[in-house]
Amino acid sequence: MASRNQPVRWYWPTFGNVADAVQASNQGMWAAVFCAVVTAIMATVSIFTAAGIAGIHPSAYLDAVLFAVIAWRIHARSKGFAIAGLCLFVIEKIFQIVTQPESMRFGIFLGIILLLCFISGVRGNFAYHRFMAEAEVAPPALPGAESRARDI
């Protein structure tokens, strides 16, 4: 993700090739997987308790499924689902801050890390499609083509 002179920045990656874009896109996918798993666990625990945990009720299974589908589609390099994942995460964090501000005391750092991962996922998917489009447009280089072009 970085050249020999630049440090690797997981929070704001640079893109030099398709592999860099895929790596950044995978950050968004893993953030969505994490959200899906944690939400499913919390929804399962809330089934066995009288009240929801941290405002999470069994209806949160819908969120878990949405994040799982988003993770699957980000892995397939879908730009739309990468944006949808970022938007869903931001909307849910805003809702959490408004309805349960006390729950954000400790979760703010994890929220920022996940937000950066989702943003990297969006950037990585767009870079992936840009690199793939450039690869389709660029004609393949033939061996010795440069010397033949100079001879003409």
Protein backbone atom coordinates (compact mmCIF):
# COMPACT_ATOMS: atom_id res chain seq x y z
CA MET A 1 0.00 0.00 0.00
CA ALA A 2 2.92 2.33 0.45
CA SER A 3 6.15 2.80 -1.38
CA ARG A 4 9.45 2.08 0.31
CA ASN A 5 9.72 5.69 1.49
CA GLN A 6 6.19 6.05 2.85
CA PRO A 7 4.74 4.35 5.93
CA VAL A 8 1.63 2.21 5.60
CA ARG A 9 -1.42 4.16 6.71
CA TRP A 10 -4.31 1.79 7.36
CA TYR A 11 -6.59 4.70 8.22
CA TRP A 12 -6.11 6.53 4.89
CA PRO A 13 -4.44 4.23 2.35
CA THR A 14 -2.88 5.31 -0.91
CA PHE A 15 -3.56 3.41 -4.12
CA GLY A 16 -0.83 2.52 -6.55
CA ASN A 17 -2.34 -0.61 -8.06
CA VAL A 18 -5.29 -2.99 -7.96
CA ALA A 19 -3.90 -4.89 -4.96
CA ASP A 20 -3.87 -1.69 -2.89
CA ALA A 21 -7.47 -1.00 -3.86
CA VAL A 22 -8.54 -4.53 -2.97
CA GLN A 23 -6.80 -4.30 0.39
CA ALA A 24 -8.58 -1.03 1.20
CA SER A 25 -11.90 -2.43 -0.02
CA ASN A 26 -11.45 -5.41 2.28
CA GLN A 27 -11.23 -3.03 5.24
CA GLY A 28 -14.80 -1.98 4.51
CA MET A 29 -15.85 -5.60 4.12
CA TRP A 30 -14.36 -6.60 7.48
CA ALA A 31 -15.94 -3.58 9.17
CA ALA A 32 -19.33 -4.71 7.86
CA VAL A 33 -18.65 -8.31 8.99
CA PHE A 34 -17.73 -7.02 12.45
CA CYS A 35 -20.92 -4.94 12.64
CA ALA A 36 -23.03 -7.91 11.51
CA VAL A 37 -21.50 -10.33 14.01
CA VAL A 38 -21.61 -7.98 17.00
CA THR A 39 -25.18 -6.93 16.20
CA ALA A 40 -26.29 -10.56 15.85
CA ILE A 41 -24.64 -11.49 19.17
CA MET A 42 -26.25 -8.53 20.95
CA ALA A 43 -29.65 -9.31 19.41
CA THR A 44 -29.34 -12.94 20.54
CA VAL A 45 -28.43 -11.89 24.08
CA SER A 46 -31.34 -9.45 24.14
CA ILE A 47 -33.74 -12.35 23.46
CA PHE A 48 -32.77 -13.90 26.78
CA THR A 49 -32.95 -10.69 28.81
CA ALA A 50 -36.03 -8.75 29.86
CA ALA A 51 -34.85 -5.52 28.28
CA GLY A 52 -32.63 -4.81 25.31
CA ILE A 53 -28.90 -4.40 25.82
CA ALA A 54 -27.61 -0.93 24.95
CA GLY A 55 -30.83 -0.27 23.07
CA ILE A 56 -30.48 -3.39 20.93
CA HIS A 57 -33.57 -5.58 20.65
CA PRO A 58 -34.20 -8.78 18.70
CA SER A 59 -35.30 -6.63 15.76
CA ALA A 60 -31.60 -5.82 15.34
CA TYR A 61 -31.28 -9.09 13.43
CA LEU A 62 -32.44 -7.05 10.44
CA ASP A 63 -29.39 -4.79 10.87
CA ALA A 64 -27.14 -7.82 11.18
CA VAL A 65 -28.51 -9.26 7.94
CA LEU A 66 -28.13 -5.89 6.19
CA PHE A 67 -24.49 -5.61 7.27
CA ALA A 68 -23.84 -9.22 6.23
CA VAL A 69 -25.26 -8.56 2.75
CA ILE A 70 -23.27 -5.33 2.53
CA ALA A 71 -20.07 -7.21 3.48
CA TRP A 72 -20.76 -9.83 0.82
CA ARG A 73 -21.33 -7.20 -1.87
CA ILE A 74 -18.32 -5.11 -0.82
CA HIS A 75 -16.26 -8.28 -1.24
CA ALA A 76 -17.69 -8.44 -4.79
CA ARG A 77 -16.39 -4.84 -5.22
CA SER A 78 -19.81 -3.14 -5.41
CA LYS A 79 -19.45 0.64 -5.18
CA GLY A 80 -23.13 1.08 -4.31
CA PHE A 81 -23.04 -1.35 -1.41
CA ALA A 82 -19.82 0.19 -0.11
CA ILE A 83 -21.60 3.55 0.01
CA ALA A 84 -24.68 1.92 1.53
CA GLY A 85 -22.55 0.36 4.26
CA LEU A 86 -20.96 3.69 5.10
CA CYS A 87 -24.32 5.45 5.13
CA LEU A 88 -25.99 2.76 7.26
CA PHE A 89 -23.14 2.85 9.75
CA VAL A 90 -23.22 6.66 10.01
CA ILE A 91 -27.03 6.73 10.38
CA GLU A 92 -26.92 4.08 13.10
CA LYS A 93 -24.16 5.93 14.98
CA ILE A 94 -26.13 9.19 14.81
CA PHE A 95 -29.22 7.35 16.07
CA GLN A 96 -27.15 5.81 18.88
CA ILE A 97 -25.75 9.20 19.92
CA VAL A 98 -29.22 10.78 19.95
CA THR A 99 -31.01 7.97 21.80
CA GLN A 100 -28.22 6.65 24.07
CA PRO A 101 -25.45 9.21 24.50
CA GLU A 102 -24.07 7.35 27.54
CA SER A 103 -23.27 4.30 25.39
CA MET A 104 -20.87 6.35 23.25
CA ARG A 105 -18.44 7.09 26.10
CA PHE A 106 -16.42 3.97 25.40
CA GLY A 107 -17.65 3.15 21.93
CA ILE A 108 -16.47 6.37 20.31
CA PHE A 109 -12.99 5.02 19.54
CA LEU A 110 -14.29 1.82 18.00
CA GLY A 111 -16.85 3.86 16.08
CA ILE A 112 -14.13 6.08 14.62
CA ILE A 113 -12.01 3.07 13.65
CA LEU A 114 -14.99 1.39 11.95
CA LEU A 115 -15.91 4.66 10.22
CA LEU A 116 -12.39 4.94 8.79
CA CYS A 117 -12.59 1.30 7.64
CA PHE A 118 -15.90 1.93 5.87
CA ILE A 119 -14.47 5.06 4.22
CA SER A 120 -11.44 3.05 3.09
CA GLY A 121 -13.83 0.46 1.69
CA VAL A 122 -15.60 3.08 -0.39
CA ARG A 123 -12.33 4.60 -1.59
CA GLY A 124 -10.91 1.16 -2.33
CA ASN A 125 -13.92 0.10 -4.39
CA PHE A 126 -13.84 3.27 -6.47
CA ALA A 127 -10.06 2.90 -6.97
CA TYR A 128 -10.53 -0.76 -7.93
CA HIS A 129 -13.03 0.14 -10.65
CA ARG A 130 -10.80 2.98 -11.86
CA PHE A 131 -7.80 0.65 -12.15
CA MET A 132 -9.89 -1.99 -13.92
CA ALA A 133 -11.23 0.58 -16.40
CA GLU A 134 -7.71 1.81 -17.10
CA ALA A 135 -6.53 -1.75 -17.66
CA GLU A 136 -9.31 -2.33 -20.21
CA VAL A 137 -8.54 0.88 -22.12
CA ALA A 138 -4.75 0.56 -22.18
CA PRO A 139 -3.51 -1.62 -25.03
CA PRO A 140 -1.17 -4.40 -23.98
CA ALA A 141 2.48 -3.59 -24.51
CA LEU A 142 4.16 -5.80 -27.07
CA PRO A 143 7.76 -6.80 -26.52
CA GLY A 144 10.03 -4.69 -28.65
CA ALA A 145 7.26 -2.28 -29.61
CA GLU A 146 9.28 0.70 -28.39
CA SER A 147 12.22 -0.07 -30.67
CA ARG A 148 9.93 -0.63 -33.66
CA ALA A 149 8.20 2.69 -33.00
CA ARG A 150 11.55 4.50 -33.00
CA ASP A 151 12.51 2.87 -36.31
CA ILE A 152 9.44 4.25 -38.08
